[in-house]
Structure formats: structure tokens, C-alpha cells
Amino acid sequence: ILGLIGPASVAGFTVPLTFVDNSGPRAGRIDVVMEVEVGRYTPDVIYAQPGDTVHVTLKTKDIPHGFSIVGLEVDIVAMLGEPAEAVFVVGGEARLHEWYCTTFCGRNHSRMSGSLIVGER
């Protein structure tokens, strides 16, 4: 957003004005299509920067699977043929968020996890 700042007269007073450019680096959008099957998420790591908006589309290849990110209030479940979506904004500090499957999916259920890494890659 540009703001005009330079010499101007306002109510008889001279006010300095200049251009202020706030169009520099900004938070971005990350689109992730995540395929899930018993034992794994693909991808199992997402990298983001503070302020990014993340759009996750969860697609299961076999049975229902959940996707919940600790600390971000993200909790969705995908059914076979019915993808689930979540949209969230990453907080303003570098950190690691872990996700896991919330729907019991068999003997490899405990391996169903991944990471959202916020900050430097």
C-alpha cells in the first residue's frame, strides 16, 4: 500500500509527506495436497514461515484417516473419495508443530504423524 507523504498544507500547517511502500515481503500461501494411507502421510513434513496461510487437502488412499495439528486447532477426517480440507494461519514465531492421525486405522496407526516446521528451512 502506498501512502503519500511530502510537503502539504493542512489547516495552515506544513506537513511533511513521503511515499511509504508496504508491498515488500509478506506472508504467503502454501497449498498442500496430502495423500494418506495406513502408516504414512505424503508429504510428512511441511515448511512454512510465520504468518503463512496453509491450505491442506487431505486425501485418503484406503480407509478414513484424521489429521490434527497440536496447538493449531486443526482437526479434520478424510473418507475414501471424500477429501477433507483445513485452512489455518501459522503463528508469528519459529517452532515445530506435530500432527497425527485421529482415526484409528490399524496396527500402523501409531506411525501416523508428521511435522509442520515454522521458520528457517
C-alpha atoms as a PDB file:
ATOM      1  CA  ILE A   1       0.000   0.000   0.000  1.00  0.00           C
ATOM      2  CA  LEU A   2       1.409   3.354  -0.929  1.00  0.00           C
ATOM      3  CA  GLY A   3       0.862   6.418   1.241  1.00  0.00           C
ATOM      4  CA  LEU A   4       1.650   9.931   0.020  1.00  0.00           C
ATOM      5  CA  ILE A   5       3.870  11.900   2.347  1.00  0.00           C
ATOM      6  CA  GLY A   6       5.622  15.194   1.349  1.00  0.00           C
ATOM      7  CA  PRO A   7       5.171  18.946   1.930  1.00  0.00           C
ATOM      8  CA  ALA A   8       1.480  19.754   2.172  1.00  0.00           C
ATOM      9  CA  SER A   9      -0.575  22.373   3.870  1.00  0.00           C
ATOM     10  CA  VAL A  10      -3.185  21.160   6.322  1.00  0.00           C
ATOM     11  CA  ALA A  11      -5.182  23.815   8.188  1.00  0.00           C
ATOM     12  CA  GLY A  12      -2.381  26.330   7.672  1.00  0.00           C
ATOM     13  CA  PHE A  13       0.390  23.989   8.890  1.00  0.00           C
ATOM     14  CA  THR A  14       3.048  22.482   6.631  1.00  0.00           C
ATOM     15  CA  VAL A  15       3.037  18.695   6.973  1.00  0.00           C
ATOM     16  CA  PRO A  16       5.934  16.607   5.595  1.00  0.00           C
ATOM     17  CA  LEU A  17       4.750  13.808   3.260  1.00  0.00           C
ATOM     18  CA  THR A  18       6.566  10.907   1.546  1.00  0.00           C
ATOM     19  CA  PHE A  19       5.715   7.591  -0.139  1.00  0.00           C
ATOM     20  CA  VAL A  20       5.597   4.607   2.204  1.00  0.00           C
ATOM     21  CA  ASP A  21       5.733   1.248   0.432  1.00  0.00           C
ATOM     22  CA  ASN A  22       4.348  -1.661   2.457  1.00  0.00           C
ATOM     23  CA  SER A  23       4.339  -4.043  -0.502  1.00  0.00           C
ATOM     24  CA  GLY A  24       7.629  -5.753   0.482  1.00  0.00           C
ATOM     25  CA  PRO A  25       7.890  -9.344   1.730  1.00  0.00           C
ATOM     26  CA  ARG A  26       4.605 -10.590   3.108  1.00  0.00           C
ATOM     27  CA  ALA A  27       3.222 -13.803   4.439  1.00  0.00           C
ATOM     28  CA  GLY A  28       2.396 -16.266   1.692  1.00  0.00           C
ATOM     29  CA  ARG A  29       0.006 -19.053   0.888  1.00  0.00           C
ATOM     30  CA  ILE A  30       1.043 -22.683   0.930  1.00  0.00           C
ATOM     31  CA  ASP A  31      -1.141 -25.283  -0.789  1.00  0.00           C
ATOM     32  CA  VAL A  32      -0.569 -28.881   0.269  1.00  0.00           C
ATOM     33  CA  VAL A  33      -2.290 -31.911  -1.238  1.00  0.00           C
ATOM     34  CA  MET A  34      -1.569 -34.618   1.311  1.00  0.00           C
ATOM     35  CA  GLU A  35      -2.140 -38.260   0.445  1.00  0.00           C
ATOM     36  CA  VAL A  36      -2.572 -40.593   3.368  1.00  0.00           C
ATOM     37  CA  GLU A  37      -2.649 -44.354   3.724  1.00  0.00           C
ATOM     38  CA  VAL A  38      -2.147 -46.704   6.659  1.00  0.00           C
ATOM     39  CA  GLY A  39       1.283 -45.963   8.095  1.00  0.00           C
ATOM     40  CA  ARG A  40       2.121 -42.685   6.318  1.00  0.00           C
ATOM     41  CA  TYR A  41       1.318 -39.169   5.231  1.00  0.00           C
ATOM     42  CA  THR A  42       2.816 -37.868   1.973  1.00  0.00           C
ATOM     43  CA  PRO A  43       4.299 -35.359   2.474  1.00  0.00           C
ATOM     44  CA  ASP A  44       5.146 -35.918   6.123  1.00  0.00           C
ATOM     45  CA  VAL A  45       6.860 -32.527   6.582  1.00  0.00           C
ATOM     46  CA  ILE A  46       5.543 -29.066   5.693  1.00  0.00           C
ATOM     47  CA  TYR A  47       7.795 -25.996   5.851  1.00  0.00           C
ATOM     48  CA  ALA A  48       6.236 -22.574   6.441  1.00  0.00           C
ATOM     49  CA  GLN A  49       7.128 -19.075   7.548  1.00  0.00           C
ATOM     50  CA  PRO A  50       5.418 -17.152  10.352  1.00  0.00           C
ATOM     51  CA  GLY A  51       2.216 -15.586   9.035  1.00  0.00           C
ATOM     52  CA  ASP A  52       1.789 -18.023   6.128  1.00  0.00           C
ATOM     53  CA  THR A  53      -1.704 -19.288   5.353  1.00  0.00           C
ATOM     54  CA  VAL A  54      -1.639 -23.052   4.848  1.00  0.00           C
ATOM     55  CA  HIS A  55      -4.327 -24.869   2.834  1.00  0.00           C
ATOM     56  CA  VAL A  56      -4.254 -28.644   3.358  1.00  0.00           C
ATOM     57  CA  THR A  57      -6.333 -31.025   1.262  1.00  0.00           C
ATOM     58  CA  LEU A  58      -6.249 -34.478   2.861  1.00  0.00           C
ATOM     59  CA  LYS A  59      -6.940 -37.411   0.518  1.00  0.00           C
ATOM     60  CA  THR A  60      -7.040 -40.985   1.764  1.00  0.00           C
ATOM     61  CA  LYS A  61      -5.984 -43.895  -0.425  1.00  0.00           C
ATOM     62  CA  ASP A  62      -7.592 -46.617   1.689  1.00  0.00           C
ATOM     63  CA  ILE A  63      -9.654 -46.065   4.870  1.00  0.00           C
ATOM     64  CA  PRO A  64     -10.690 -42.989   6.915  1.00  0.00           C
ATOM     65  CA  HIS A  65      -7.767 -41.024   8.385  1.00  0.00           C
ATOM     66  CA  GLY A  66      -7.593 -37.975  10.603  1.00  0.00           C
ATOM     67  CA  PHE A  67      -5.225 -35.012  10.606  1.00  0.00           C
ATOM     68  CA  SER A  68      -4.804 -32.971  13.778  1.00  0.00           C
ATOM     69  CA  ILE A  69      -2.074 -30.409  14.450  1.00  0.00           C
ATOM     70  CA  VAL A  70      -1.183 -29.914  18.088  1.00  0.00           C
ATOM     71  CA  GLY A  71      -1.619 -26.291  19.173  1.00  0.00           C
ATOM     72  CA  LEU A  72      -3.299 -25.017  15.981  1.00  0.00           C
ATOM     73  CA  GLU A  73      -6.883 -26.237  16.424  1.00  0.00           C
ATOM     74  CA  VAL A  74      -6.725 -28.187  13.164  1.00  0.00           C
ATOM     75  CA  ASP A  75      -8.691 -31.449  13.214  1.00  0.00           C
ATOM     76  CA  ILE A  76     -10.154 -32.998  10.036  1.00  0.00           C
ATOM     77  CA  VAL A  77     -11.028 -36.502   8.801  1.00  0.00           C
ATOM     78  CA  ALA A  78     -10.877 -37.683   5.181  1.00  0.00           C
ATOM     79  CA  MET A  79     -13.007 -40.555   3.911  1.00  0.00           C
ATOM     80  CA  LEU A  80     -12.277 -42.619   0.810  1.00  0.00           C
ATOM     81  CA  GLY A  81     -13.486 -40.492  -2.128  1.00  0.00           C
ATOM     82  CA  GLU A  82     -14.232 -37.538   0.184  1.00  0.00           C
ATOM     83  CA  PRO A  83     -11.176 -35.327   0.773  1.00  0.00           C
ATOM     84  CA  ALA A  84     -11.124 -33.039   3.809  1.00  0.00           C
ATOM     85  CA  GLU A  85      -9.722 -29.522   3.889  1.00  0.00           C
ATOM     86  CA  ALA A  86      -8.182 -27.309   6.535  1.00  0.00           C
ATOM     87  CA  VAL A  87      -7.051 -23.695   6.270  1.00  0.00           C
ATOM     88  CA  PHE A  88      -5.000 -22.113   9.030  1.00  0.00           C
ATOM     89  CA  VAL A  89      -2.537 -19.298   9.629  1.00  0.00           C
ATOM     90  CA  VAL A  90       0.840 -20.155  11.115  1.00  0.00           C
ATOM     91  CA  GLY A  91       1.730 -18.192  14.260  1.00  0.00           C
ATOM     92  CA  GLY A  92       4.350 -15.485  14.392  1.00  0.00           C
ATOM     93  CA  GLU A  93       7.271 -17.427  15.820  1.00  0.00           C
ATOM     94  CA  ALA A  94       9.589 -20.189  14.657  1.00  0.00           C
ATOM     95  CA  ARG A  95       8.664 -23.576  16.102  1.00  0.00           C
ATOM     96  CA  LEU A  96       7.787 -27.182  15.403  1.00  0.00           C
ATOM     97  CA  HIS A  97       4.166 -28.370  15.301  1.00  0.00           C
ATOM     98  CA  GLU A  98       3.444 -32.082  15.109  1.00  0.00           C
ATOM     99  CA  TRP A  99       0.400 -33.672  13.529  1.00  0.00           C
ATOM    100  CA  TYR A 100      -1.063 -37.120  13.973  1.00  0.00           C
ATOM    101  CA  CYS A 101      -3.917 -39.337  12.826  1.00  0.00           C
ATOM    102  CA  THR A 102      -7.037 -39.048  14.991  1.00  0.00           C
ATOM    103  CA  THR A 103      -8.896 -42.012  13.476  1.00  0.00           C
ATOM    104  CA  PHE A 104      -7.694 -45.474  14.477  1.00  0.00           C
ATOM    105  CA  CYS A 105      -6.536 -47.114  11.252  1.00  0.00           C
ATOM    106  CA  GLY A 106      -4.916 -50.392  12.228  1.00  0.00           C
ATOM    107  CA  ARG A 107      -1.611 -51.693  13.505  1.00  0.00           C
ATOM    108  CA  ASN A 108       0.476 -48.889  11.955  1.00  0.00           C
ATOM    109  CA  HIS A 109      -1.725 -46.163  13.432  1.00  0.00           C
ATOM    110  CA  SER A 110       0.994 -45.123  15.895  1.00  0.00           C
ATOM    111  CA  ARG A 111       3.310 -44.302  12.944  1.00  0.00           C
ATOM    112  CA  MET A 112       0.805 -41.832  11.514  1.00  0.00           C
ATOM    113  CA  SER A 113       2.455 -38.485  12.237  1.00  0.00           C
ATOM    114  CA  GLY A 114       4.333 -35.611  10.633  1.00  0.00           C
ATOM    115  CA  SER A 115       5.724 -32.141  11.255  1.00  0.00           C
ATOM    116  CA  LEU A 116       4.958 -28.542  10.391  1.00  0.00           C
ATOM    117  CA  ILE A 117       8.233 -26.652  10.686  1.00  0.00           C
ATOM    118  CA  VAL A 118       7.863 -22.902  11.012  1.00  0.00           C
ATOM    119  CA  GLY A 119      10.908 -20.741  10.370  1.00  0.00           C
ATOM    120  CA  GLU A 120      14.194 -21.306   8.550  1.00  0.00           C
ATOM    121  CA  ARG A 121      14.418 -24.333   6.302  1.00  0.00           C
END
